[in-house]
């Protein structure tokens, strides 16, 4: 018997944001029109969002 697949919208939204933020940071870092400090800042923000999303997902999974 299969376990029913329960898709949580909040969990999915956090996953999408967590994946999209670092990708957007990497894409931005390859644009030569952007200054280097903006590239570094966007990468750091993307990594921070990714890390916070993972932490929130892990906490939520532990509650269940």
N, C-alpha and C. Protein backbone atom coordinates (compact mmCIF):
# COMPACT_ATOMS: atom_id res chain seq x y z
N UNK A 1 0.84 -1.18 0.00
CA UNK A 1 0.00 0.00 0.00
C UNK A 1 0.88 1.25 0.00
N UNK A 2 0.52 2.19 -0.82
CA UNK A 2 1.30 3.43 -0.93
C UNK A 2 0.92 4.42 0.15
N UNK A 3 1.92 5.19 0.57
CA UNK A 3 1.67 6.29 1.49
C UNK A 3 1.10 7.45 0.69
N UNK A 4 -0.01 8.04 1.13
CA UNK A 4 -0.59 9.15 0.36
C UNK A 4 0.37 10.34 0.31
N UNK A 5 0.45 10.95 -0.85
CA UNK A 5 1.33 12.09 -1.07
C UNK A 5 0.61 13.36 -0.62
N UNK A 6 1.16 13.98 0.42
CA UNK A 6 0.55 15.18 0.97
C UNK A 6 1.44 16.38 0.61
N UNK A 7 0.99 17.19 -0.34
CA UNK A 7 1.77 18.34 -0.79
C UNK A 7 1.32 19.57 0.00
N UNK A 8 2.25 20.12 0.75
CA UNK A 8 1.97 21.32 1.54
C UNK A 8 2.40 22.54 0.74
N UNK A 9 1.49 23.48 0.53
CA UNK A 9 1.78 24.65 -0.31
C UNK A 9 2.88 25.51 0.31
N UNK A 10 2.85 25.70 1.63
CA UNK A 10 3.87 26.52 2.29
C UNK A 10 5.26 25.88 2.11
N UNK A 11 5.33 24.58 2.29
CA UNK A 11 6.59 23.84 2.12
C UNK A 11 7.10 23.96 0.69
N UNK A 12 6.19 23.81 -0.28
CA UNK A 12 6.56 23.91 -1.68
C UNK A 12 7.02 25.32 -2.03
N UNK A 13 6.34 26.32 -1.50
CA UNK A 13 6.73 27.71 -1.78
C UNK A 13 8.12 28.01 -1.23
N UNK A 14 8.39 27.52 -0.02
CA UNK A 14 9.73 27.73 0.56
C UNK A 14 10.79 27.03 -0.27
N UNK A 15 10.47 25.86 -0.76
CA UNK A 15 11.43 25.12 -1.59
C UNK A 15 11.72 25.88 -2.88
N UNK A 16 10.69 26.40 -3.52
CA UNK A 16 10.87 27.15 -4.77
C UNK A 16 11.69 28.41 -4.53
N UNK A 17 11.38 29.14 -3.46
CA UNK A 17 12.14 30.35 -3.15
C UNK A 17 13.57 29.99 -2.79
N UNK A 18 13.76 28.93 -2.05
CA UNK A 18 15.10 28.51 -1.66
C UNK A 18 15.96 28.10 -2.85
N UNK A 19 15.34 27.56 -3.87
CA UNK A 19 16.08 27.17 -5.07
C UNK A 19 16.28 28.36 -6.00
N UNK A 20 15.25 29.18 -6.15
CA UNK A 20 15.30 30.30 -7.09
C UNK A 20 16.25 31.40 -6.66
N UNK A 21 16.37 31.64 -5.37
CA UNK A 21 17.22 32.74 -4.90
C UNK A 21 18.70 32.53 -5.24
N UNK A 22 19.30 31.38 -4.91
CA UNK A 22 20.71 31.20 -5.30
C UNK A 22 20.91 31.18 -6.82
N UNK A 23 19.94 30.61 -7.54
CA UNK A 23 20.05 30.60 -9.00
C UNK A 23 20.03 32.02 -9.55
N UNK A 24 19.15 32.84 -9.01
CA UNK A 24 19.10 34.24 -9.43
C UNK A 24 20.40 34.96 -9.09
N UNK A 25 20.97 34.63 -7.95
CA UNK A 25 22.25 35.22 -7.57
C UNK A 25 23.37 34.82 -8.52
N UNK A 26 23.38 33.56 -8.93
CA UNK A 26 24.41 33.10 -9.87
C UNK A 26 24.23 33.76 -11.22
N UNK A 27 22.99 33.85 -11.70
CA UNK A 27 22.72 34.51 -12.98
C UNK A 27 23.15 35.96 -12.92
N UNK A 28 22.84 36.62 -11.83
CA UNK A 28 23.23 38.02 -11.67
C UNK A 28 24.75 38.18 -11.64
N UNK A 29 25.44 37.22 -11.04
CA UNK A 29 26.89 37.35 -10.93
C UNK A 29 27.58 37.24 -12.28
N UNK A 30 26.91 36.66 -13.27
CA UNK A 30 27.52 36.54 -14.58
C UNK A 30 27.27 37.76 -15.48
N UNK A 31 26.46 38.68 -15.03
CA UNK A 31 26.22 39.88 -15.82
C UNK A 31 27.34 40.88 -15.56
N UNK A 32 28.01 41.27 -16.61
CA UNK A 32 29.17 42.14 -16.43
C UNK A 32 28.80 43.60 -16.18
N UNK A 33 27.55 43.96 -16.41
CA UNK A 33 27.14 45.34 -16.17
C UNK A 33 26.98 45.63 -14.67
N UNK A 34 26.83 44.59 -13.89
CA UNK A 34 26.60 44.75 -12.46
C UNK A 34 27.94 44.86 -11.75
N UNK A 35 28.05 45.76 -10.83
CA UNK A 35 29.30 45.93 -10.08
C UNK A 35 29.58 44.71 -9.22
N UNK A 36 30.84 44.52 -8.88
CA UNK A 36 31.23 43.31 -8.14
C UNK A 36 30.60 43.24 -6.76
N UNK A 37 30.41 44.37 -6.09
CA UNK A 37 29.82 44.31 -4.75
C UNK A 37 28.34 43.93 -4.81
N UNK A 38 27.64 44.30 -5.87
CA UNK A 38 26.25 43.86 -6.03
C UNK A 38 26.18 42.37 -6.32
N UNK A 39 27.16 41.86 -7.06
CA UNK A 39 27.21 40.42 -7.32
C UNK A 39 27.41 39.64 -6.03
N UNK A 40 28.36 40.09 -5.23
CA UNK A 40 28.65 39.40 -3.97
C UNK A 40 27.44 39.48 -3.05
N UNK A 41 26.81 40.66 -2.97
CA UNK A 41 25.64 40.83 -2.11
C UNK A 41 24.49 39.92 -2.56
N UNK A 42 24.27 39.82 -3.85
CA UNK A 42 23.18 38.97 -4.32
C UNK A 42 23.45 37.50 -4.04
N UNK A 43 24.69 37.08 -4.17
CA UNK A 43 25.04 35.70 -3.84
C UNK A 43 24.86 35.43 -2.35
N UNK A 44 25.27 36.37 -1.50
CA UNK A 44 25.11 36.18 -0.06
C UNK A 44 23.64 36.13 0.34
N UNK A 45 22.84 37.01 -0.24
CA UNK A 45 21.41 37.00 0.06
C UNK A 45 20.77 35.69 -0.41
N UNK A 46 21.14 35.25 -1.59
CA UNK A 46 20.61 33.98 -2.11
C UNK A 46 20.99 32.81 -1.22
N UNK A 47 22.23 32.77 -0.80
CA UNK A 47 22.66 31.69 0.10
C UNK A 47 21.94 31.76 1.44
N UNK A 48 21.77 32.97 1.97
CA UNK A 48 21.06 33.13 3.25
C UNK A 48 19.62 32.64 3.14
N UNK A 49 18.94 33.01 2.06
CA UNK A 49 17.56 32.56 1.86
C UNK A 49 17.50 31.05 1.72
N UNK A 50 18.44 30.48 0.98
CA UNK A 50 18.49 29.04 0.83
C UNK A 50 18.70 28.32 2.15
N UNK A 51 19.61 28.83 2.95
CA UNK A 51 19.90 28.21 4.25
C UNK A 51 18.69 28.33 5.18
N UNK A 52 18.07 29.51 5.21
CA UNK A 52 16.89 29.69 6.06
C UNK A 52 15.73 28.81 5.60
N UNK A 53 15.58 28.62 4.32
CA UNK A 53 14.53 27.74 3.81
C UNK A 53 14.76 26.30 4.23
N UNK A 54 16.01 25.85 4.14
CA UNK A 54 16.33 24.48 4.55
C UNK A 54 16.09 24.30 6.05
N UNK A 55 16.50 25.28 6.84
CA UNK A 55 16.29 25.19 8.30
C UNK A 55 14.80 25.12 8.61
N UNK A 56 14.00 25.95 7.95
CA UNK A 56 12.55 25.94 8.19
C UNK A 56 11.93 24.61 7.78
N UNK A 57 12.39 24.04 6.68
CA UNK A 57 11.85 22.75 6.24
C UNK A 57 12.23 21.64 7.20
N UNK A 58 13.46 21.65 7.68
CA UNK A 58 13.90 20.62 8.63
C UNK A 58 13.12 20.72 9.92
N UNK A 59 12.92 21.92 10.42
CA UNK A 59 12.12 22.11 11.64
C UNK A 59 10.70 21.61 11.47
N UNK A 60 10.13 21.90 10.32
CA UNK A 60 8.76 21.47 10.08
C UNK A 60 8.67 19.95 9.97
N UNK A 61 9.67 19.34 9.35
CA UNK A 61 9.67 17.88 9.21
C UNK A 61 9.83 17.21 10.58
N UNK A 62 10.58 17.80 11.47
CA UNK A 62 10.78 17.23 12.81
C UNK A 62 9.52 17.28 13.65
N UNK A 63 8.67 18.29 13.41
CA UNK A 63 7.43 18.41 14.18
C UNK A 63 6.45 17.28 13.87
N UNK A 64 6.52 16.77 12.66
CA UNK A 64 5.55 15.73 12.25
C UNK A 64 5.84 14.44 12.84
